[in-house]
Amino acid sequence: MTSGSAAAVAIWSPPEPQQVDGLARLRFTLRLGALLGRRIPRGARVGTALESLHSEEPHWYLAILGTAPEAQARGFASSLLAPVLKRCDAAGLPVHLETATEANLAFYAARGFEVIGETVVVGGGPRIWGLRRAPGRPAPRSAQLRSSSCG
C-alpha cells in the first residue's frame, strides 16, 4: 500500500499463512544472499533478533512503514495505517510490528501500540522493540497529545 504520491509505503502480512512455492523461496534466498554478501552472518543475527519478538497469535504484521524524508510529518504514514487498523478492529485482530528507531515509539503509542518486548542484535547491533496493538484499542489521549507524527 502506498500513499497517493508514493511519499510513503506500508507493507503488511495478513494473519493467514501465505503459500510460497519452493522456486520463489529459492529466488528470494539467493537474491538476499547476493544483497548481503559478506554481511550474511549479521543478517542472520538480525533475523534471529526479530524472530524473538514475533508472536504466534493470529495477527496482521506491519513489516515496513516508511516515509520519504521530505514528506515526513505530513500524515502520510498515518493515512496508510488507518484503514488497516480499522480492518483489524472490525475483525478483532491485533497488529504487530518491530522498530529499531526509538523516536518511532511515541508515533506508534499515539495509535494504540504498546511495547511488548525488546532485544539487542548480538554483536553490536541495534536495539529493536516489538510492539502490539490490541483490536479496538484507541490511542491514549496523553500519547496523542505528545506524539509527533513521523509520517
Protein backbone atom coordinates (compact mmCIF):
# COMPACT_ATOMS: atom_id res chain seq x y z
CA MET A 1 0.00 0.00 0.00
CA THR A 2 1.38 3.44 -0.87
CA SER A 3 0.19 6.98 -0.34
CA GLY A 4 -1.20 8.60 -3.48
CA SER A 5 2.05 10.43 -4.11
CA ALA A 6 4.23 7.40 -3.25
CA ALA A 7 5.79 9.53 -0.50
CA ALA A 8 5.12 6.68 1.93
CA VAL A 9 4.78 2.93 1.80
CA ALA A 10 3.38 0.25 4.11
CA ILE A 11 3.98 -3.47 3.65
CA TRP A 12 1.61 -5.74 5.55
CA SER A 13 1.36 -9.50 6.06
CA PRO A 14 -2.10 -10.89 6.78
CA PRO A 15 -2.75 -13.40 9.56
CA GLU A 16 -3.45 -16.25 7.13
CA PRO A 17 -0.39 -18.33 6.26
CA GLN A 18 0.92 -17.43 2.82
CA GLN A 19 1.83 -20.21 0.43
CA VAL A 20 5.20 -19.58 -1.21
CA ASP A 21 6.38 -22.11 -3.75
CA GLY A 22 9.85 -23.58 -3.43
CA LEU A 23 11.22 -21.81 -6.52
CA ALA A 24 10.10 -18.38 -5.27
CA ARG A 25 11.64 -19.09 -1.86
CA LEU A 26 14.92 -20.15 -3.50
CA ARG A 27 14.99 -16.98 -5.67
CA PHE A 28 14.39 -14.82 -2.61
CA THR A 29 17.13 -16.57 -0.64
CA LEU A 30 19.64 -16.23 -3.48
CA ARG A 31 18.78 -12.56 -4.02
CA LEU A 32 19.03 -11.81 -0.30
CA GLY A 33 22.38 -13.60 -0.15
CA ALA A 34 23.64 -11.56 -3.10
CA LEU A 35 22.50 -8.32 -1.46
CA LEU A 36 24.03 -9.16 1.91
CA GLY A 37 27.28 -10.60 0.58
CA ARG A 38 29.80 -10.77 3.44
CA ARG A 39 27.13 -9.41 5.79
CA ILE A 40 25.14 -12.68 5.72
CA PRO A 41 26.12 -13.54 9.34
CA ARG A 42 24.94 -10.10 10.52
CA GLY A 43 21.71 -10.51 8.55
CA ALA A 44 21.16 -13.86 10.25
CA ARG A 45 21.69 -12.25 13.68
CA VAL A 46 19.14 -9.54 12.85
CA GLY A 47 16.70 -12.23 11.69
CA THR A 48 17.16 -14.13 14.95
CA ALA A 49 16.56 -10.96 16.99
CA LEU A 50 13.38 -10.19 15.04
CA GLU A 51 12.14 -13.76 15.41
CA SER A 52 12.49 -13.49 19.19
CA LEU A 53 9.90 -10.71 19.15
CA HIS A 54 7.35 -12.43 16.88
CA SER A 55 4.06 -13.68 18.23
CA GLU A 56 2.31 -16.96 17.49
CA GLU A 57 -1.17 -15.44 17.84
CA PRO A 58 -3.04 -14.67 14.60
CA HIS A 59 -2.32 -11.04 13.74
CA TRP A 60 -1.63 -8.56 10.99
CA TYR A 61 2.07 -7.79 10.72
CA LEU A 62 3.38 -4.41 9.65
CA ALA A 63 6.70 -5.32 8.05
CA ILE A 64 7.59 -1.86 6.76
CA LEU A 65 6.22 1.65 7.21
CA GLY A 66 8.38 4.31 5.64
CA THR A 67 8.05 7.90 4.53
CA ALA A 68 10.41 9.85 2.28
CA PRO A 69 12.36 12.31 4.45
CA GLU A 70 10.99 15.35 2.63
CA ALA A 71 7.41 14.12 3.18
CA GLN A 72 7.64 13.29 6.90
CA ALA A 73 5.29 14.88 9.44
CA ARG A 74 2.59 15.39 6.81
CA GLY A 75 0.32 12.49 7.76
CA PHE A 76 1.24 10.02 5.01
CA ALA A 77 2.20 7.17 7.38
CA SER A 78 -0.92 7.75 9.47
CA SER A 79 -3.09 7.63 6.35
CA LEU A 80 -1.57 4.26 5.42
CA LEU A 81 -2.09 2.83 8.91
CA ALA A 82 -5.68 3.97 9.46
CA PRO A 83 -7.58 1.71 7.02
CA VAL A 84 -5.73 -1.45 8.06
CA LEU A 85 -6.12 -0.67 11.78
CA LYS A 86 -9.84 -0.17 11.16
CA ARG A 87 -10.00 -3.51 9.34
CA CYS A 88 -8.14 -5.21 12.22
CA ASP A 89 -10.53 -3.70 14.76
CA ALA A 90 -13.54 -4.95 12.78
CA ALA A 91 -12.04 -8.45 12.55
CA GLY A 92 -10.93 -8.50 16.20
CA LEU A 93 -7.28 -8.99 15.24
CA PRO A 94 -4.19 -7.42 16.80
CA VAL A 95 -1.33 -5.81 14.88
CA HIS A 96 2.37 -6.50 15.50
CA LEU A 97 5.49 -4.71 14.30
CA GLU A 98 9.10 -4.07 15.21
CA THR A 99 11.09 -0.85 15.14
CA ALA A 100 14.75 -0.10 15.72
CA THR A 101 14.07 3.63 15.93
CA GLU A 102 13.31 4.80 19.46
CA ALA A 103 11.69 8.00 18.16
CA ASN A 104 9.02 5.85 16.46
CA LEU A 105 7.74 4.54 19.81
CA ALA A 106 5.75 7.73 20.51
CA PHE A 107 4.29 7.68 16.98
CA TYR A 108 3.03 4.13 17.46
CA ALA A 109 1.88 4.73 21.06
CA ALA A 110 -0.34 7.52 19.78
CA ARG A 111 -2.03 4.91 17.60
CA GLY A 112 -2.65 2.44 20.41
CA PHE A 113 0.50 0.29 20.21
CA GLU A 114 2.30 -0.95 23.31
CA VAL A 115 5.85 -2.21 23.62
CA ILE A 116 5.72 -5.95 24.32
CA GLY A 117 9.39 -6.81 24.03
CA GLU A 118 12.86 -5.53 23.39
CA THR A 119 16.09 -7.09 22.21
CA VAL A 120 19.54 -6.10 21.02
CA VAL A 121 21.10 -7.72 17.97
CA VAL A 122 24.08 -9.82 19.08
CA GLY A 123 27.46 -8.47 18.03
CA GLY A 124 26.84 -4.76 18.42
CA GLY A 125 23.58 -4.45 16.57
CA PRO A 126 20.72 -2.07 17.25
CA ARG A 127 18.06 -2.28 19.95
CA ILE A 128 14.76 -3.46 18.50
CA TRP A 129 11.35 -3.05 20.11
CA GLY A 130 8.38 -5.33 19.47
CA LEU A 131 5.00 -3.60 19.53
CA ARG A 132 1.43 -4.82 19.62
CA ARG A 133 -1.88 -3.06 19.14
CA ALA A 134 -4.91 -4.85 20.52
CA PRO A 135 -8.00 -4.78 18.31
CA GLY A 136 -10.30 -1.87 19.04
CA ARG A 137 -7.70 -0.21 21.23
CA PRO A 138 -7.97 3.55 20.97
CA ALA A 139 -4.83 5.56 21.37
CA PRO A 140 -4.39 7.00 24.86
CA ARG A 141 -5.25 10.70 24.91
CA SER A 142 -1.92 11.59 26.54
CA ALA A 143 0.01 9.79 23.80
CA GLN A 144 -1.98 11.59 21.12
CA LEU A 145 -1.10 14.95 22.64
CA ARG A 146 2.65 14.36 22.96
CA SER A 147 3.25 12.35 19.80
CA SER A 148 4.79 13.92 16.79
CA SER A 149 3.84 12.32 13.51
CA CYS A 150 6.72 10.55 11.81
CA GLY A 151 4.62 10.19 8.70
